[in-house]
Amino acid sequence: MKIIIFGLGNFGTPLALNLTETGNEVIGVDLNMDKVNLVKEKISHAICMDSTNELAYRALPIKEADMVVVAIGENEGAAIITTAIIKKLSKAVVISRSLSPIHDTVLQAMGIEKIVHPEQEAAERLTNKINFKKVVENFEIDTNYSISEIKAQKEFVGKTIEEVRFRETHRLNIITVIRRREKTNLIGSKMVSNEVIGLPTRETKIEEGDVLVVFGLNKDISNLLENY
């Protein structure tokens, strides 16, 4: 995709780099030349311009963009004006960063459906990691459900999924198992890597060191971890 990102700060810069690494054509825009210089060799193109000046958009292929991200985080007024200009000039999908509840309201009034709150979302992910202390990783589906990676309890080792009665006991579904495997590389050195075994069956046997990837209600995941 052709993506233009306005704002090359703590949110916009890593987003631009990650999107470039995954095969997208990314143009980064910022008023600060130092920020532009930091990424100009790492993305398709980087431009120093005032995004609140509609005439400056003549230098951008705004009409050819598939997606535009307004990632400005220092100036709420500039972010709102930039979003308004983009909506006027382009039919691309617009994702806009919001800095406050009022900003949310203005963006919604503009018809922006994709609104992101990177600081809040990062804080929520960290909160889940702190609360779910024994979770290897956690992905929140919504406010009620999550997918969590949980180290298999010792009493599970050697038993099949049917024998541990995970669904009946904990009201959680095991959707896959991550297993550590020791392999020998091309030069003969041994290395340990994670292997996803795919969709487990009732006969899948749990081994020592396995990580169970489970899906269910957050409260049921918490109840399981309290018994660890």
C-alpha atoms as a PDB file:
ATOM      1  CA  MET A   1       0.000   0.000   0.000  1.00  0.00           C
ATOM      2  CA  LYS A   2       0.934   3.637  -0.444  1.00  0.00           C
ATOM      3  CA  ILE A   3       0.784   5.227   3.013  1.00  0.00           C
ATOM      4  CA  ILE A   4       1.483   8.796   4.104  1.00  0.00           C
ATOM      5  CA  ILE A   5       2.253   9.402   7.771  1.00  0.00           C
ATOM      6  CA  PHE A   6       2.016  12.910   9.227  1.00  0.00           C
ATOM      7  CA  GLY A   7       4.063  13.281  12.406  1.00  0.00           C
ATOM      8  CA  LEU A   8       7.374  11.467  12.895  1.00  0.00           C
ATOM      9  CA  GLY A   9       7.471  11.339  16.668  1.00  0.00           C
ATOM     10  CA  ASN A  10       7.462   8.447  19.131  1.00  0.00           C
ATOM     11  CA  PHE A  11       4.393   6.932  17.461  1.00  0.00           C
ATOM     12  CA  GLY A  12       4.764   7.942  13.828  1.00  0.00           C
ATOM     13  CA  THR A  13       8.426   6.985  13.356  1.00  0.00           C
ATOM     14  CA  PRO A  14       8.263   3.326  14.496  1.00  0.00           C
ATOM     15  CA  LEU A  15       4.979   2.978  12.596  1.00  0.00           C
ATOM     16  CA  ALA A  16       6.642   4.254   9.411  1.00  0.00           C
ATOM     17  CA  LEU A  17       9.611   1.925   9.849  1.00  0.00           C
ATOM     18  CA  ASN A  18       7.458  -1.129  10.596  1.00  0.00           C
ATOM     19  CA  LEU A  19       5.152  -0.489   7.651  1.00  0.00           C
ATOM     20  CA  THR A  20       8.168  -0.093   5.362  1.00  0.00           C
ATOM     21  CA  GLU A  21       9.696  -3.341   6.622  1.00  0.00           C
ATOM     22  CA  THR A  22       6.453  -5.166   5.851  1.00  0.00           C
ATOM     23  CA  GLY A  23       6.503  -4.083   2.206  1.00  0.00           C
ATOM     24  CA  ASN A  24       4.536  -0.823   2.108  1.00  0.00           C
ATOM     25  CA  GLU A  25       5.530   2.369   0.312  1.00  0.00           C
ATOM     26  CA  VAL A  26       5.683   4.949   3.094  1.00  0.00           C
ATOM     27  CA  ILE A  27       6.044   8.726   2.913  1.00  0.00           C
ATOM     28  CA  GLY A  28       6.780  10.444   6.220  1.00  0.00           C
ATOM     29  CA  VAL A  29       5.937  14.105   6.831  1.00  0.00           C
ATOM     30  CA  ASP A  30       7.020  16.343   9.702  1.00  0.00           C
ATOM     31  CA  LEU A  31       7.633  20.026  10.365  1.00  0.00           C
ATOM     32  CA  ASN A  32      10.886  19.200  12.199  1.00  0.00           C
ATOM     33  CA  MET A  33      13.776  18.646   9.788  1.00  0.00           C
ATOM     34  CA  ASP A  34      15.763  16.686  12.368  1.00  0.00           C
ATOM     35  CA  LYS A  35      12.978  14.092  12.570  1.00  0.00           C
ATOM     36  CA  VAL A  36      12.789  13.924   8.789  1.00  0.00           C
ATOM     37  CA  ASN A  37      16.551  13.334   8.562  1.00  0.00           C
ATOM     38  CA  LEU A  38      16.324  10.434  11.019  1.00  0.00           C
ATOM     39  CA  VAL A  39      14.081   8.383   8.726  1.00  0.00           C
ATOM     40  CA  LYS A  40      14.784   9.649   5.207  1.00  0.00           C
ATOM     41  CA  GLU A  41      17.145   6.763   4.417  1.00  0.00           C
ATOM     42  CA  LYS A  42      14.875   4.138   5.986  1.00  0.00           C
ATOM     43  CA  ILE A  43      11.505   4.773   4.315  1.00  0.00           C
ATOM     44  CA  SER A  44      10.438   5.505   0.724  1.00  0.00           C
ATOM     45  CA  HIS A  45      10.446   9.277   1.121  1.00  0.00           C
ATOM     46  CA  ALA A  46      10.483  11.870   3.921  1.00  0.00           C
ATOM     47  CA  ILE A  47       9.334  15.465   3.573  1.00  0.00           C
ATOM     48  CA  CYS A  48       9.676  18.493   5.820  1.00  0.00           C
ATOM     49  CA  MET A  49       6.512  20.591   5.529  1.00  0.00           C
ATOM     50  CA  ASP A  50       3.792  22.337   7.497  1.00  0.00           C
ATOM     51  CA  SER A  51       0.809  20.015   7.272  1.00  0.00           C
ATOM     52  CA  THR A  52      -1.556  22.813   8.342  1.00  0.00           C
ATOM     53  CA  ASN A  53      -0.790  24.700   5.091  1.00  0.00           C
ATOM     54  CA  GLU A  54      -3.104  23.369   2.392  1.00  0.00           C
ATOM     55  CA  LEU A  55      -0.924  24.760  -0.419  1.00  0.00           C
ATOM     56  CA  ALA A  56       2.011  22.613   0.772  1.00  0.00           C
ATOM     57  CA  TYR A  57       0.104  19.443  -0.164  1.00  0.00           C
ATOM     58  CA  ARG A  58       0.942  20.073  -3.809  1.00  0.00           C
ATOM     59  CA  ALA A  59       4.283  18.404  -3.013  1.00  0.00           C
ATOM     60  CA  LEU A  60       2.543  15.226  -1.861  1.00  0.00           C
ATOM     61  CA  PRO A  61       0.861  12.437  -3.883  1.00  0.00           C
ATOM     62  CA  ILE A  62      -2.093  12.737  -1.510  1.00  0.00           C
ATOM     63  CA  LYS A  63      -4.665  11.621  -4.096  1.00  0.00           C
ATOM     64  CA  GLU A  64      -2.709   8.449  -4.874  1.00  0.00           C
ATOM     65  CA  ALA A  65      -2.415   7.363  -1.234  1.00  0.00           C
ATOM     66  CA  ASP A  66      -4.297   4.272  -0.096  1.00  0.00           C
ATOM     67  CA  MET A  67      -4.048   5.261   3.559  1.00  0.00           C
ATOM     68  CA  VAL A  68      -3.114   8.366   5.520  1.00  0.00           C
ATOM     69  CA  VAL A  69      -2.119   8.313   9.195  1.00  0.00           C
ATOM     70  CA  VAL A  70      -2.216  11.502  11.252  1.00  0.00           C
ATOM     71  CA  ALA A  71       0.252  10.651  14.022  1.00  0.00           C
ATOM     72  CA  ILE A  72       0.874  14.203  15.277  1.00  0.00           C
ATOM     73  CA  GLY A  73       1.204  14.072  19.047  1.00  0.00           C
ATOM     74  CA  GLU A  74       2.497  17.460  20.186  1.00  0.00           C
ATOM     75  CA  ASN A  75      -0.133  19.846  18.834  1.00  0.00           C
ATOM     76  CA  GLU A  76      -3.836  18.991  18.961  1.00  0.00           C
ATOM     77  CA  GLY A  77      -4.813  21.960  16.797  1.00  0.00           C
ATOM     78  CA  ALA A  78      -2.320  21.005  14.086  1.00  0.00           C
ATOM     79  CA  ALA A  79      -3.553  17.403  14.168  1.00  0.00           C
ATOM     80  CA  ILE A  80      -7.177  18.490  13.695  1.00  0.00           C
ATOM     81  CA  ILE A  81      -6.368  20.941  10.869  1.00  0.00           C
ATOM     82  CA  THR A  82      -4.212  18.317   9.140  1.00  0.00           C
ATOM     83  CA  THR A  83      -7.003  15.755   9.340  1.00  0.00           C
ATOM     84  CA  ALA A  84      -9.508  18.243   7.928  1.00  0.00           C
ATOM     85  CA  ILE A  85      -7.259  19.078   4.958  1.00  0.00           C
ATOM     86  CA  ILE A  86      -6.662  15.400   4.230  1.00  0.00           C
ATOM     87  CA  LYS A  87     -10.410  14.684   4.288  1.00  0.00           C
ATOM     88  CA  LYS A  88     -10.878  17.523   1.789  1.00  0.00           C
ATOM     89  CA  LEU A  89      -8.107  16.458  -0.606  1.00  0.00           C
ATOM     90  CA  SER A  90      -8.099  12.671  -0.429  1.00  0.00           C
ATOM     91  CA  LYS A  91     -10.422   9.690  -0.496  1.00  0.00           C
ATOM     92  CA  ALA A  92      -7.859   7.489   1.256  1.00  0.00           C
ATOM     93  CA  VAL A  93      -8.586   5.648   4.478  1.00  0.00           C
ATOM     94  CA  VAL A  94      -7.673   8.042   7.307  1.00  0.00           C
ATOM     95  CA  ILE A  95      -6.372   6.873  10.670  1.00  0.00           C
ATOM     96  CA  SER A  96      -5.978   9.673  13.184  1.00  0.00           C
ATOM     97  CA  ARG A  97      -4.294   9.779  16.548  1.00  0.00           C
ATOM     98  CA  SER A  98      -6.408  11.365  19.277  1.00  0.00           C
ATOM     99  CA  LEU A  99      -4.960  13.371  22.140  1.00  0.00           C
ATOM    100  CA  SER A 100      -8.074  13.951  24.253  1.00  0.00           C
ATOM    101  CA  PRO A 101     -11.817  13.172  24.547  1.00  0.00           C
ATOM    102  CA  ILE A 102     -12.602  16.481  22.808  1.00  0.00           C
ATOM    103  CA  HIS A 103     -10.239  15.493  20.005  1.00  0.00           C
ATOM    104  CA  ASP A 104     -12.212  12.233  19.725  1.00  0.00           C
ATOM    105  CA  THR A 105     -15.442  14.189  19.347  1.00  0.00           C
ATOM    106  CA  VAL A 106     -14.018  16.444  16.626  1.00  0.00           C
ATOM    107  CA  LEU A 107     -12.608  13.485  14.682  1.00  0.00           C
ATOM    108  CA  GLN A 108     -15.912  11.628  14.895  1.00  0.00           C
ATOM    109  CA  ALA A 109     -17.717  14.737  13.633  1.00  0.00           C
ATOM    110  CA  MET A 110     -15.326  14.736  10.647  1.00  0.00           C
ATOM    111  CA  GLY A 111     -16.304  11.161   9.868  1.00  0.00           C
ATOM    112  CA  ILE A 112     -13.014   9.596  10.972  1.00  0.00           C
ATOM    113  CA  GLU A 113     -13.856   6.015  11.939  1.00  0.00           C
ATOM    114  CA  LYS A 114     -10.349   4.800  12.725  1.00  0.00           C
ATOM    115  CA  ILE A 115      -9.147   6.690  15.817  1.00  0.00           C
ATOM    116  CA  VAL A 116      -6.134   5.484  17.800  1.00  0.00           C
ATOM    117  CA  HIS A 117      -4.917   6.247  21.321  1.00  0.00           C
ATOM    118  CA  PRO A 118      -1.365   4.793  21.346  1.00  0.00           C
ATOM    119  CA  GLU A 119      -0.416   5.837  24.886  1.00  0.00           C
ATOM    120  CA  GLN A 120      -3.678   4.555  26.362  1.00  0.00           C
ATOM    121  CA  GLU A 121      -3.492   1.284  24.405  1.00  0.00           C
ATOM    122  CA  ALA A 122       0.132   0.732  25.449  1.00  0.00           C
ATOM    123  CA  ALA A 123      -0.817   1.391  29.082  1.00  0.00           C
ATOM    124  CA  GLU A 124      -3.664  -1.123  28.869  1.00  0.00           C
ATOM    125  CA  ARG A 125      -1.333  -3.792  27.462  1.00  0.00           C
ATOM    126  CA  LEU A 126       1.168  -3.135  30.249  1.00  0.00           C
ATOM    127  CA  THR A 127      -1.629  -3.272  32.843  1.00  0.00           C
ATOM    128  CA  ASN A 128      -2.645  -6.700  31.570  1.00  0.00           C
ATOM    129  CA  LYS A 129       0.946  -7.927  31.767  1.00  0.00           C
ATOM    130  CA  ILE A 130       1.234  -6.670  35.341  1.00  0.00           C
ATOM    131  CA  ASN A 131      -2.118  -8.113  36.393  1.00  0.00           C
ATOM    132  CA  PHE A 132      -1.537 -11.421  34.614  1.00  0.00           C
ATOM    133  CA  LYS A 133       1.891 -11.920  36.194  1.00  0.00           C
ATOM    134  CA  LYS A 134       2.336 -15.500  35.005  1.00  0.00           C
ATOM    135  CA  VAL A 135       1.205 -14.855  31.456  1.00  0.00           C
ATOM    136  CA  VAL A 136       3.991 -15.057  28.853  1.00  0.00           C
ATOM    137  CA  GLU A 137       2.067 -12.798  26.489  1.00  0.00           C
ATOM    138  CA  ASN A 138      -1.470 -11.456  26.352  1.00  0.00           C
ATOM    139  CA  PHE A 139      -3.600 -10.157  23.479  1.00  0.00           C
ATOM    140  CA  GLU A 140      -6.865  -8.492  24.450  1.00  0.00           C
ATOM    141  CA  ILE A 141      -9.694  -9.229  21.974  1.00  0.00           C
ATOM    142  CA  ASP A 142     -12.097  -6.812  23.685  1.00  0.00           C
ATOM    143  CA  THR A 143     -12.873  -5.719  27.235  1.00  0.00           C
ATOM    144  CA  ASN A 144     -14.005  -9.223  28.208  1.00  0.00           C
ATOM    145  CA  TYR A 145     -11.958 -11.743  26.206  1.00  0.00           C
ATOM    146  CA  SER A 146      -8.239 -12.354  25.695  1.00  0.00           C
ATOM    147  CA  ILE A 147      -5.816 -14.788  24.091  1.00  0.00           C
ATOM    148  CA  SER A 148      -3.029 -15.562  26.562  1.00  0.00           C
ATOM    149  CA  GLU A 149       0.164 -17.606  26.496  1.00  0.00           C
ATOM    150  CA  ILE A 150       0.470 -19.478  29.801  1.00  0.00           C
ATOM    151  CA  LYS A 151       3.230 -21.816  30.935  1.00  0.00           C
ATOM    152  CA  ALA A 152       1.901 -25.338  31.448  1.00  0.00           C
ATOM    153  CA  GLN A 153       1.575 -26.359  35.106  1.00  0.00           C
ATOM    154  CA  LYS A 154       3.750 -29.239  36.311  1.00  0.00           C
ATOM    155  CA  GLU A 155       0.710 -31.418  36.959  1.00  0.00           C
ATOM    156  CA  PHE A 156      -0.236 -31.129  33.262  1.00  0.00           C
ATOM    157  CA  VAL A 157       3.043 -32.616  32.003  1.00  0.00           C
ATOM    158  CA  GLY A 158       2.628 -36.062  30.500  1.00  0.00           C
ATOM    159  CA  LYS A 159      -1.147 -35.775  30.261  1.00  0.00           C
ATOM    160  CA  THR A 160      -3.284 -35.281  27.170  1.00  0.00           C
ATOM    161  CA  ILE A 161      -5.535 -32.273  26.726  1.00  0.00           C
ATOM    162  CA  GLU A 162      -8.493 -34.593  27.270  1.00  0.00           C
ATOM    163  CA  GLU A 163      -7.018 -35.809  30.566  1.00  0.00           C
ATOM    164  CA  VAL A 164      -6.378 -32.331  31.995  1.00  0.00           C
ATOM    165  CA  ARG A 165     -10.035 -31.395  31.247  1.00  0.00           C
ATOM    166  CA  PHE A 166      -8.988 -27.797  30.652  1.00  0.00           C
ATOM    167  CA  ARG A 167     -12.302 -26.640  29.196  1.00  0.00           C
ATOM    168  CA  GLU A 168     -14.386 -28.263  31.919  1.00  0.00           C
ATOM    169  CA  THR A 169     -12.151 -27.178  34.816  1.00  0.00           C
ATOM    170  CA  HIS A 170     -11.087 -23.677  33.762  1.00  0.00           C
ATOM    171  CA  ARG A 171     -13.676 -22.720  31.087  1.00  0.00           C
ATOM    172  CA  LEU A 172     -10.827 -21.878  28.699  1.00  0.00           C
ATOM    173  CA  ASN A 173     -10.030 -23.265  25.252  1.00  0.00           C
ATOM    174  CA  ILE A 174      -6.476 -24.319  24.334  1.00  0.00           C
ATOM    175  CA  ILE A 175      -6.118 -23.100  20.749  1.00  0.00           C
ATOM    176  CA  THR A 176      -2.497 -24.211  20.249  1.00  0.00           C
ATOM    177  CA  VAL A 177       0.693 -25.145  22.096  1.00  0.00           C
ATOM    178  CA  ILE A 178       4.129 -23.515  21.757  1.00  0.00           C
ATOM    179  CA  ARG A 179       6.928 -26.001  22.324  1.00  0.00           C
ATOM    180  CA  ARG A 180      10.673 -25.395  22.671  1.00  0.00           C
ATOM    181  CA  ARG A 181      12.747 -27.565  20.347  1.00  0.00           C
ATOM    182  CA  GLU A 182      16.522 -28.014  20.200  1.00  0.00           C
ATOM    183  CA  LYS A 183      17.821 -28.036  16.647  1.00  0.00           C
ATOM    184  CA  THR A 184      21.220 -28.217  14.982  1.00  0.00           C
ATOM    185  CA  ASN A 185      21.965 -25.507  12.441  1.00  0.00           C
ATOM    186  CA  LEU A 186      24.030 -25.766   9.253  1.00  0.00           C
ATOM    187  CA  ILE A 187      27.350 -25.250  11.052  1.00  0.00           C
ATOM    188  CA  GLY A 188      26.575 -27.889  13.685  1.00  0.00           C
ATOM    189  CA  SER A 189      25.707 -25.589  16.576  1.00  0.00           C
ATOM    190  CA  LYS A 190      22.701 -26.409  18.704  1.00  0.00           C
ATOM    191  CA  MET A 191      19.995 -23.804  19.086  1.00  0.00           C
ATOM    192  CA  VAL A 192      16.626 -23.684  20.815  1.00  0.00           C
ATOM    193  CA  SER A 193      13.599 -22.357  18.962  1.00  0.00           C
ATOM    194  CA  ASN A 194       9.869 -22.180  19.560  1.00  0.00           C
ATOM    195  CA  GLU A 195       7.612 -24.442  17.522  1.00  0.00           C
ATOM    196  CA  VAL A 196       3.852 -24.014  17.225  1.00  0.00           C
ATOM    197  CA  ILE A 197       2.303 -27.467  17.007  1.00  0.00           C
ATOM    198  CA  GLY A 198      -0.851 -26.298  15.257  1.00  0.00           C
ATOM    199  CA  LEU A 199      -4.425 -27.031  16.306  1.00  0.00           C
ATOM    200  CA  PRO A 200      -4.210 -29.488  19.225  1.00  0.00           C
ATOM    201  CA  THR A 201      -6.432 -32.551  19.502  1.00  0.00           C
ATOM    202  CA  ARG A 202      -7.839 -34.309  22.537  1.00  0.00           C
ATOM    203  CA  GLU A 203      -4.863 -36.701  22.302  1.00  0.00           C
ATOM    204  CA  THR A 204      -2.186 -33.978  22.220  1.00  0.00           C
ATOM    205  CA  LYS A 205       0.178 -34.647  25.135  1.00  0.00           C
ATOM    206  CA  ILE A 206       1.559 -31.725  27.132  1.00  0.00           C
ATOM    207  CA  GLU A 207       5.335 -31.689  27.605  1.00  0.00           C
ATOM    208  CA  GLU A 208       7.574 -29.969  30.130  1.00  0.00           C
ATOM    209  CA  GLY A 209       8.227 -26.343  29.148  1.00  0.00           C
ATOM    210  CA  ASP A 210       5.141 -26.106  26.922  1.00  0.00           C
ATOM    211  CA  VAL A 211       3.316 -22.799  26.657  1.00  0.00           C
ATOM    212  CA  LEU A 212      -0.458 -23.132  26.293  1.00  0.00           C
ATOM    213  CA  VAL A 213      -2.166 -20.543  24.113  1.00  0.00           C
ATOM    214  CA  VAL A 214      -5.636 -20.182  25.598  1.00  0.00           C
ATOM    215  CA  PHE A 215      -8.746 -18.187  24.734  1.00  0.00           C
ATOM    216  CA  GLY A 216     -11.477 -17.139  27.125  1.00  0.00           C
ATOM    217  CA  LEU A 217     -12.890 -14.593  29.526  1.00  0.00           C
ATOM    218  CA  ASN A 218     -10.363 -12.394  31.337  1.00  0.00           C
ATOM    219  CA  LYS A 219     -11.869 -13.387  34.685  1.00  0.00           C
ATOM    220  CA  ASP A 220     -11.372 -17.085  33.898  1.00  0.00           C
ATOM    221  CA  ILE A 221      -7.744 -16.477  32.910  1.00  0.00           C
ATOM    222  CA  SER A 222      -7.238 -14.597  36.193  1.00  0.00           C
ATOM    223  CA  ASN A 223      -8.866 -17.431  38.158  1.00  0.00           C
ATOM    224  CA  LEU A 224      -6.516 -19.952  36.533  1.00  0.00           C
ATOM    225  CA  LEU A 225      -3.442 -17.880  37.370  1.00  0.00           C
ATOM    226  CA  GLU A 226      -4.484 -17.501  41.010  1.00  0.00           C
ATOM    227  CA  ASN A 227      -4.158 -21.287  41.360  1.00  0.00           C
ATOM    228  CA  TYR A 228      -0.652 -21.411  39.854  1.00  0.00           C
END
